PDB file of N, CA and C in Angstrom:
ATOM      1  N   MET A   1       0.900  -1.106   0.010  1.00  0.00           N
ATOM      2  CA  MET A   1      -0.033   0.023  -0.009  1.00  0.00           C
ATOM      3  C   MET A   1       0.865   1.221  -0.017  1.00  0.00           C
ATOM      4  N   ARG A   2       0.394   2.185  -0.661  1.00  0.00           N
ATOM      5  CA  ARG A   2       1.160   3.481  -0.737  1.00  0.00           C
ATOM      6  C   ARG A   2       0.338   4.636  -0.247  1.00  0.00           C
ATOM      7  N   PRO A   3       0.937   5.574   0.509  1.00  0.00           N
ATOM      8  CA  PRO A   3       0.130   6.761   0.832  1.00  0.00           C
ATOM      9  C   PRO A   3       0.020   7.611  -0.378  1.00  0.00           C
ATOM     10  N   ARG A   4      -1.147   8.243  -0.647  1.00  0.00           N
ATOM     11  CA  ARG A   4      -1.265   9.027  -1.804  1.00  0.00           C
ATOM     12  C   ARG A   4      -1.798  10.415  -1.432  1.00  0.00           C
ATOM     13  N   ARG A   5      -1.462  11.391  -2.301  1.00  0.00           N
ATOM     14  CA  ARG A   5      -2.020  12.720  -2.180  1.00  0.00           C
ATOM     15  C   ARG A   5      -3.422  12.691  -2.540  1.00  0.00           C
ATOM     16  N   THR A   6      -4.368  13.352  -1.804  1.00  0.00           N
ATOM     17  CA  THR A   6      -5.694  13.518  -2.083  1.00  0.00           C
ATOM     18  C   THR A   6      -6.079  14.955  -2.276  1.00  0.00           C
ATOM     19  N   ILE A   7      -7.330  15.298  -2.712  1.00  0.00           N
ATOM     20  CA  ILE A   7      -7.754  16.600  -2.839  1.00  0.00           C
ATOM     21  C   ILE A   7      -7.790  17.316  -1.476  1.00  0.00           C
ATOM     22  N   ASN A   8      -7.799  16.594  -0.393  1.00  0.00           N
ATOM     23  CA  ASN A   8      -7.789  17.189   0.971  1.00  0.00           C
ATOM     24  C   ASN A   8      -6.301  17.356   1.547  1.00  0.00           C
ATOM     25  N   SER A   9      -5.348  16.817   0.918  1.00  0.00           N
ATOM     26  CA  SER A   9      -3.984  16.930   1.436  1.00  0.00           C
ATOM     27  C   SER A   9      -3.593  18.345   1.531  1.00  0.00           C
ATOM     28  N   THR A  10      -2.990  18.760   2.706  1.00  0.00           N
ATOM     29  CA  THR A  10      -2.508  20.055   2.922  1.00  0.00           C
ATOM     30  C   THR A  10      -1.051  20.140   3.281  1.00  0.00           C
ATOM     31  N   ARG A  11      -0.439  18.914   3.535  1.00  0.00           N
ATOM     32  CA  ARG A  11       0.976  18.919   3.928  1.00  0.00           C
ATOM     33  C   ARG A  11       1.540  17.505   3.570  1.00  0.00           C
ATOM     34  N   VAL A  12       2.867  17.539   3.635  1.00  0.00           N
ATOM     35  CA  VAL A  12       3.495  16.321   3.353  1.00  0.00           C
ATOM     36  C   VAL A  12       4.646  16.010   4.295  1.00  0.00           C
ATOM     37  N   PHE A  13       4.810  14.840   4.802  1.00  0.00           N
ATOM     38  CA  PHE A  13       5.983  14.406   5.572  1.00  0.00           C
ATOM     39  C   PHE A  13       6.855  13.664   4.721  1.00  0.00           C
ATOM     40  N   ARG A  14       8.160  14.214   4.740  1.00  0.00           N
ATOM     41  CA  ARG A  14       9.089  13.651   3.804  1.00  0.00           C
ATOM     42  C   ARG A  14      10.180  12.856   4.725  1.00  0.00           C
ATOM     43  N   LEU A  15      10.494  11.691   4.252  1.00  0.00           N
ATOM     44  CA  LEU A  15      11.517  10.941   4.813  1.00  0.00           C
ATOM     45  C   LEU A  15      12.910  11.403   4.470  1.00  0.00           C
ATOM     46  N   PRO A  16      13.808  11.682   5.399  1.00  0.00           N
ATOM     47  CA  PRO A  16      15.137  12.174   5.100  1.00  0.00           C
ATOM     48  C   PRO A  16      15.747  11.245   4.119  1.00  0.00           C
ATOM     49  N   GLY A  17      16.236  11.727   2.967  1.00  0.00           N
ATOM     50  CA  GLY A  17      16.871  10.840   1.985  1.00  0.00           C
ATOM     51  C   GLY A  17      15.861  10.090   1.079  1.00  0.00           C
ATOM     52  N   GLY A  18      14.610  10.310   1.292  1.00  0.00           N
ATOM     53  CA  GLY A  18      13.536   9.592   0.576  1.00  0.00           C
ATOM     54  C   GLY A  18      13.242  10.248  -0.742  1.00  0.00           C
ATOM     55  N   ASN A  19      12.212   9.864  -1.367  1.00  0.00           N
ATOM     56  CA  ASN A  19      11.724  10.444  -2.615  1.00  0.00           C
ATOM     57  C   ASN A  19      10.183  10.437  -2.682  1.00  0.00           C
ATOM     58  N   GLU A  20       9.574  10.820  -3.716  1.00  0.00           N
ATOM     59  CA  GLU A  20       8.170  10.965  -3.877  1.00  0.00           C
ATOM     60  C   GLU A  20       7.433   9.615  -3.483  1.00  0.00           C
ATOM     61  N   ASP A  21       8.141   8.552  -3.693  1.00  0.00           N
ATOM     62  CA  ASP A  21       7.490   7.193  -3.277  1.00  0.00           C
ATOM     63  C   ASP A  21       7.402   7.108  -1.808  1.00  0.00           C
ATOM     64  N   THR A  22       8.143   7.817  -1.012  1.00  0.00           N
ATOM     65  CA  THR A  22       8.150   7.629   0.422  1.00  0.00           C
ATOM     66  C   THR A  22       7.528   8.886   1.030  1.00  0.00           C
ATOM     67  N   ASP A  23       6.926   9.755   0.301  1.00  0.00           N
ATOM     68  CA  ASP A  23       6.156  10.956   0.817  1.00  0.00           C
ATOM     69  C   ASP A  23       4.896  10.524   1.501  1.00  0.00           C
ATOM     70  N   LEU A  24       4.627  11.059   2.662  1.00  0.00           N
ATOM     71  CA  LEU A  24       3.310  10.800   3.386  1.00  0.00           C
ATOM     72  C   LEU A  24       2.514  12.063   3.324  1.00  0.00           C
ATOM     73  N   TRP A  25       1.560  12.104   2.405  1.00  0.00           N
ATOM     74  CA  TRP A  25       0.635  13.271   2.241  1.00  0.00           C
ATOM     75  C   TRP A  25      -0.456  13.143   3.340  1.00  0.00           C
ATOM     76  N   ALA A  26      -0.721  14.306   3.997  1.00  0.00           N
ATOM     77  CA  ALA A  26      -1.647  14.312   5.058  1.00  0.00           C
ATOM     78  C   ALA A  26      -2.491  15.547   5.159  1.00  0.00           C
ATOM     79  N   TYR A  27      -3.529  15.550   5.951  1.00  0.00           N
ATOM     80  CA  TYR A  27      -4.287  16.749   6.248  1.00  0.00           C
ATOM     81  C   TYR A  27      -4.826  16.645   7.704  1.00  0.00           C
ATOM     82  N   ASP A  28      -5.244  17.702   8.287  1.00  0.00           N
ATOM     83  CA  ASP A  28      -5.757  17.702   9.616  1.00  0.00           C
ATOM     84  C   ASP A  28      -7.175  17.978   9.767  1.00  0.00           C
ATOM     85  N   LEU A  29      -7.770  17.257  10.714  1.00  0.00           N
ATOM     86  CA  LEU A  29      -9.158  17.437  11.167  1.00  0.00           C
ATOM     87  C   LEU A  29      -9.210  17.643  12.674  1.00  0.00           C
ATOM     88  N   PRO A  30     -10.204  18.375  13.100  1.00  0.00           N
ATOM     89  CA  PRO A  30     -10.451  18.549  14.516  1.00  0.00           C
ATOM     90  C   PRO A  30     -11.063  17.261  15.087  1.00  0.00           C
ATOM     91  N   ASP A  31     -10.632  16.898  16.288  1.00  0.00           N
ATOM     92  CA  ASP A  31     -11.384  15.753  16.990  1.00  0.00           C
ATOM     93  C   ASP A  31     -12.579  16.288  17.759  1.00  0.00           C
ATOM     94  N   THR A  32     -13.229  15.450  18.438  1.00  0.00           N
ATOM     95  CA  THR A  32     -14.474  15.825  19.203  1.00  0.00           C
ATOM     96  C   THR A  32     -14.142  16.608  20.375  1.00  0.00           C
ATOM     97  N   GLU A  33     -12.946  16.639  20.844  1.00  0.00           N
ATOM     98  CA  GLU A  33     -12.506  17.397  22.068  1.00  0.00           C
ATOM     99  C   GLU A  33     -11.639  18.619  21.671  1.00  0.00           C
ATOM    100  N   GLY A  34     -11.645  19.093  20.425  1.00  0.00           N
ATOM    101  CA  GLY A  34     -10.928  20.304  20.081  1.00  0.00           C
ATOM    102  C   GLY A  34      -9.501  20.019  19.766  1.00  0.00           C
ATOM    103  N   GLY A  35      -8.951  18.760  19.817  1.00  0.00           N
ATOM    104  CA  GLY A  35      -7.624  18.393  19.492  1.00  0.00           C
ATOM    105  C   GLY A  35      -7.529  18.251  17.961  1.00  0.00           C
ATOM    106  N   ASN A  36      -6.396  17.630  17.587  1.00  0.00           N
ATOM    107  CA  ASN A  36      -6.134  17.492  16.169  1.00  0.00           C
ATOM    108  C   ASN A  36      -5.955  16.015  15.789  1.00  0.00           C
ATOM    109  N   VAL A  37      -6.390  15.642  14.596  1.00  0.00           N
ATOM    110  CA  VAL A  37      -6.226  14.398  14.012  1.00  0.00           C
ATOM    111  C   VAL A  37      -5.577  14.521  12.660  1.00  0.00           C
ATOM    112  N   ILE A  38      -4.471  13.729  12.508  1.00  0.00           N
ATOM    113  CA  ILE A  38      -3.744  13.735  11.259  1.00  0.00           C
ATOM    114  C   ILE A  38      -4.270  12.684  10.345  1.00  0.00           C
ATOM    115  N   CYS A  39      -4.705  12.826   9.140  1.00  0.00           N
ATOM    116  CA  CYS A  39      -5.228  11.807   8.264  1.00  0.00           C
ATOM    117  C   CYS A  39      -4.362  11.632   7.002  1.00  0.00           C
ATOM    118  N   SER A  40      -4.264  10.428   6.606  1.00  0.00           N
ATOM    119  CA  SER A  40      -3.557  10.056   5.388  1.00  0.00           C
ATOM    120  C   SER A  40      -4.465   8.984   4.700  1.00  0.00           C
ATOM    121  N   VAL A  41      -4.263   8.926   3.269  1.00  0.00           N
ATOM    122  CA  VAL A  41      -4.949   7.892   2.477  1.00  0.00           C
ATOM    123  C   VAL A  41      -3.928   7.049   1.887  1.00  0.00           C
ATOM    124  N   TRP A  42      -4.222   5.724   1.982  1.00  0.00           N
ATOM    125  CA  TRP A  42      -3.343   4.728   1.495  1.00  0.00           C
ATOM    126  C   TRP A  42      -4.163   3.867   0.364  1.00  0.00           C
ATOM    127  N   VAL A  43      -3.511   3.592  -0.664  1.00  0.00           N
ATOM    128  CA  VAL A  43      -4.099   2.895  -1.848  1.00  0.00           C
ATOM    129  C   VAL A  43      -3.450   1.545  -1.993  1.00  0.00           C
ATOM    130  N   PRO A  44      -4.198   0.510  -1.985  1.00  0.00           N
ATOM    131  CA  PRO A  44      -3.621  -0.797  -2.150  1.00  0.00           C
ATOM    132  C   PRO A  44      -3.239  -1.072  -3.597  1.00  0.00           C
ATOM    133  N   GLU A  45      -2.144  -1.752  -3.806  1.00  0.00           N
ATOM    134  CA  GLU A  45      -1.741  -2.191  -5.146  1.00  0.00           C
ATOM    135  C   GLU A  45      -2.798  -3.241  -5.638  1.00  0.00           C
ATOM    136  N   ASP A  46      -2.759  -3.598  -6.869  1.00  0.00           N
ATOM    137  CA  ASP A  46      -3.699  -4.562  -7.436  1.00  0.00           C
ATOM    138  C   ASP A  46      -3.528  -5.877  -6.805  1.00  0.00           C
ATOM    139  N   ASP A  47      -2.329  -6.334  -6.467  1.00  0.00           N
ATOM    140  CA  ASP A  47      -2.113  -7.668  -5.914  1.00  0.00           C
ATOM    141  C   ASP A  47      -2.659  -7.614  -4.495  1.00  0.00           C
ATOM    142  N   GLU A  48      -2.543  -6.426  -3.767  1.00  0.00           N
ATOM    143  CA  GLU A  48      -2.995  -6.442  -2.402  1.00  0.00           C
ATOM    144  C   GLU A  48      -4.516  -6.454  -2.500  1.00  0.00           C
ATOM    145  N   ARG A  49      -5.098  -5.766  -3.434  1.00  0.00           N
ATOM    146  CA  ARG A  49      -6.574  -5.793  -3.468  1.00  0.00           C
ATOM    147  C   ARG A  49      -7.127  -7.229  -3.703  1.00  0.00           C
ATOM    148  N   LYS A  50      -6.435  -8.018  -4.498  1.00  0.00           N
ATOM    149  CA  LYS A  50      -6.805  -9.408  -4.750  1.00  0.00           C
ATOM    150  C   LYS A  50      -6.557 -10.193  -3.471  1.00  0.00           C
ATOM    151  N   ALA A  51      -5.536  -9.953  -2.804  1.00  0.00           N
ATOM    152  CA  ALA A  51      -5.282 -10.673  -1.553  1.00  0.00           C
ATOM    153  C   ALA A  51      -6.286 -10.370  -0.530  1.00  0.00           C
ATOM    154  N   ILE A  52      -6.731  -9.148  -0.436  1.00  0.00           N
ATOM    155  CA  ILE A  52      -7.863  -8.654   0.531  1.00  0.00           C
ATOM    156  C   ILE A  52      -9.101  -9.380   0.143  1.00  0.00           C
ATOM    157  N   ALA A  53      -9.424  -9.375  -1.117  1.00  0.00           N
ATOM    158  CA  ALA A  53     -10.765 -10.005  -1.653  1.00  0.00           C
ATOM    159  C   ALA A  53     -10.651 -11.483  -1.325  1.00  0.00           C
ATOM    160  N   ASN A  54      -9.469 -12.142  -1.302  1.00  0.00           N
ATOM    161  CA  ASN A  54      -9.376 -13.540  -1.027  1.00  0.00           C
ATOM    162  C   ASN A  54      -9.132 -13.814   0.447  1.00  0.00           C
ATOM    163  N   GLY A  55      -9.520 -12.895   1.368  1.00  0.00           N
ATOM    164  CA  GLY A  55      -9.505 -13.159   2.760  1.00  0.00           C
ATOM    165  C   GLY A  55      -8.240 -12.716   3.528  1.00  0.00           C
ATOM    166  N   GLU A  56      -7.236 -12.133   2.857  1.00  0.00           N
ATOM    167  CA  GLU A  56      -6.085 -11.638   3.592  1.00  0.00           C
ATOM    168  C   GLU A  56      -6.476 -10.433   4.408  1.00  0.00           C
ATOM    169  N   ASN A  57      -5.779 -10.217   5.598  1.00  0.00           N
ATOM    170  CA  ASN A  57      -6.073  -9.183   6.446  1.00  0.00           C
ATOM    171  C   ASN A  57      -5.020  -8.104   6.268  1.00  0.00           C
ATOM    172  N   ILE A  58      -5.373  -6.849   6.915  1.00  0.00           N
ATOM    173  CA  ILE A  58      -4.477  -5.718   6.756  1.00  0.00           C
ATOM    174  C   ILE A  58      -3.814  -5.571   8.243  1.00  0.00           C
ATOM    175  N   ARG A  59      -2.533  -5.464   8.263  1.00  0.00           N
ATOM    176  CA  ARG A  59      -1.787  -5.235   9.543  1.00  0.00           C
ATOM    177  C   ARG A  59      -1.253  -3.884   9.656  1.00  0.00           C
ATOM    178  N   LEU A  60      -1.562  -3.124  10.717  1.00  0.00           N
ATOM    179  CA  LEU A  60      -1.021  -1.822  11.013  1.00  0.00           C
ATOM    180  C   LEU A  60       0.160  -2.020  11.929  1.00  0.00           C
ATOM    181  N   MET A  61       1.321  -1.336  11.568  1.00  0.00           N
ATOM    182  CA  MET A  61       2.451  -1.398  12.352  1.00  0.00           C
ATOM    183  C   MET A  61       2.727   0.006  12.843  1.00  0.00           C
ATOM    184  N   VAL A  62       2.869   0.249  14.135  1.00  0.00           N
ATOM    185  CA  VAL A  62       3.257   1.621  14.738  1.00  0.00           C
ATOM    186  C   VAL A  62       4.579   1.403  15.369  1.00  0.00           C
ATOM    187  N   TRP A  63       5.598   2.257  14.951  1.00  0.00           N
ATOM    188  CA  TRP A  63       6.902   2.221  15.720  1.00  0.00           C
ATOM    189  C   TRP A  63       6.845   2.898  17.041  1.00  0.00           C
ATOM    190  N   GLY A  64       7.618   2.376  17.991  1.00  0.00           N
ATOM    191  CA  GLY A  64       7.609   3.024  19.232  1.00  0.00           C
ATOM    192  C   GLY A  64       7.218   1.988  20.355  1.00  0.00           C
ATOM    193  N   SER A  65       7.242   2.444  21.572  1.00  0.00           N
ATOM    194  CA  SER A  65       6.885   1.518  22.674  1.00  0.00           C
ATOM    195  C   SER A  65       5.467   1.770  23.218  1.00  0.00           C
ATOM    196  N   THR A  66       4.723   2.733  22.805  1.00  0.00           N
ATOM    197  CA  THR A  66       3.360   2.967  23.199  1.00  0.00           C
ATOM    198  C   THR A  66       2.507   3.114  21.912  1.00  0.00           C
ATOM    199  N   THR A  67       1.232   2.800  22.047  1.00  0.00           N
ATOM    200  CA  THR A  67       0.363   2.841  20.903  1.00  0.00           C
ATOM    201  C   THR A  67      -0.450   4.145  20.989  1.00  0.00           C
ATOM    202  N   PRO A  68      -0.323   4.968  19.966  1.00  0.00           N
ATOM    203  CA  PRO A  68      -1.158   6.122  19.987  1.00  0.00           C
ATOM    204  C   PRO A  68      -2.645   5.775  19.461  1.00  0.00           C
ATOM    205  N   PRO A  69      -3.564   6.602  19.809  1.00  0.00           N
ATOM    206  CA  PRO A  69      -4.858   6.350  19.215  1.00  0.00           C
ATOM    207  C   PRO A  69      -4.870   6.379  17.652  1.00  0.00           C
ATOM    208  N   ILE A  70      -5.437   5.371  17.165  1.00  0.00           N
ATOM    209  CA  ILE A  70      -5.421   5.268  15.622  1.00  0.00           C
ATOM    210  C   ILE A  70      -6.768   4.880  15.190  1.00  0.00           C
ATOM    211  N   SER A  71      -6.995   4.942  13.916  1.00  0.00           N
ATOM    212  CA  SER A  71      -8.295   4.456  13.249  1.00  0.00           C
ATOM    213  C   SER A  71      -8.034   4.058  11.816  1.00  0.00           C
ATOM    214  N   MET A  72      -8.716   3.103  11.395  1.00  0.00           N
ATOM    215  CA  MET A  72      -8.701   2.722   9.968  1.00  0.00           C
ATOM    216  C   MET A  72     -10.026   2.609   9.406  1.00  0.00           C
ATOM    217  N   GLY A  73     -10.211   3.026   8.228  1.00  0.00           N
ATOM    218  CA  GLY A  73     -11.524   2.962   7.604  1.00  0.00           C
ATOM    219  C   GLY A  73     -11.394   3.184   6.051  1.00  0.00           C
ATOM    220  N   LEU A  74     -12.584   3.242   5.408  1.00  0.00           N
ATOM    221  CA  LEU A  74     -12.743   3.385   3.974  1.00  0.00           C
ATOM    222  C   LEU A  74     -12.914   4.903   3.673  1.00  0.00           C
ATOM    223  N   THR A  75     -12.453   5.348   2.536  1.00  0.00           N
ATOM    224  CA  THR A  75     -12.835   6.789   2.056  1.00  0.00           C
ATOM    225  C   THR A  75     -12.917   6.701   0.601  1.00  0.00           C
ATOM    226  N   ASP A  76     -13.758   7.709   0.110  1.00  0.00           N
ATOM    227  CA  ASP A  76     -13.882   7.808  -1.324  1.00  0.00           C
ATOM    228  C   ASP A  76     -13.313   9.097  -1.856  1.00  0.00           C
ATOM    229  N   GLU A  77     -12.260   9.607  -1.108  1.00  0.00           N
ATOM    230  CA  GLU A  77     -11.688  10.840  -1.375  1.00  0.00           C
ATOM    231  C   GLU A  77     -11.017  10.757  -2.749  1.00  0.00           C
ATOM    232  N   ALA A  78     -11.107  11.764  -3.601  1.00  0.00           N
ATOM    233  CA  ALA A  78     -10.468  11.779  -4.845  1.00  0.00           C
ATOM    234  C   ALA A  78      -8.915  11.972  -4.694  1.00  0.00           C
ATOM    235  N   LEU A  79      -8.156  11.261  -5.501  1.00  0.00           N
ATOM    236  CA  LEU A  79      -6.683  11.386  -5.386  1.00  0.00           C
ATOM    237  C   LEU A  79      -6.220  12.563  -6.256  1.00  0.00           C
ATOM    238  N   GLY A  80      -5.036  13.043  -5.947  1.00  0.00           N
ATOM    239  CA  GLY A  80      -4.448  14.137  -6.742  1.00  0.00           C
ATOM    240  C   GLY A  80      -4.664  15.497  -6.089  1.00  0.00           C
ATOM    241  N   ARG A  81      -4.257  16.515  -6.732  1.00  0.00           N
ATOM    242  CA  ARG A  81      -4.401  17.802  -6.140  1.00  0.00           C
ATOM    243  C   ARG A  81      -5.817  18.383  -6.294  1.00  0.00           C
ATOM    244  N   LYS A  82      -6.232  19.344  -5.413  1.00  0.00           N
ATOM    245  CA  LYS A  82      -7.481  19.905  -5.473  1.00  0.00           C
ATOM    246  C   LYS A  82      -7.354  20.977  -6.627  1.00  0.00           C
ATOM    247  N   LYS A  83      -8.462  21.059  -7.418  1.00  0.00           N
ATOM    248  CA  LYS A  83      -8.463  21.960  -8.543  1.00  0.00           C
ATOM    249  C   LYS A  83      -8.479  23.384  -8.042  1.00  0.00           C
ATOM    250  N   GLU A  84      -7.745  24.159  -8.676  1.00  0.00           N
ATOM    251  CA  GLU A  84      -7.709  25.577  -8.338  1.00  0.00           C
ATOM    252  C   GLU A  84      -9.075  26.329  -8.729  1.00  0.00           C
ATOM    253  N   GLU A  85      -9.528  27.190  -7.927  1.00  0.00           N
ATOM    254  CA  GLU A  85     -10.751  27.792  -8.226  1.00  0.00           C
ATOM    255  C   GLU A  85     -10.536  29.192  -8.798  1.00  0.00           C
TER     256      GLU A  85
END
């Protein structure tokens, strides 16, 4: 799976020494308590889509020794840049 830029992306996290394939496009949303949530959209490759359809599961890996609050779900956000108005 690759993180992708969407029409809602407002910033990008870049891996030192990385390239556009390692960019993590993101945007912020307020949470229910006035805090911040960072969102990113990931697109499965065709072989991954087939594996999911055949019953494979998705594993989330978080580096570190504590688990931050996270969420995974589906979205129909359009990929690419937002059109200039």
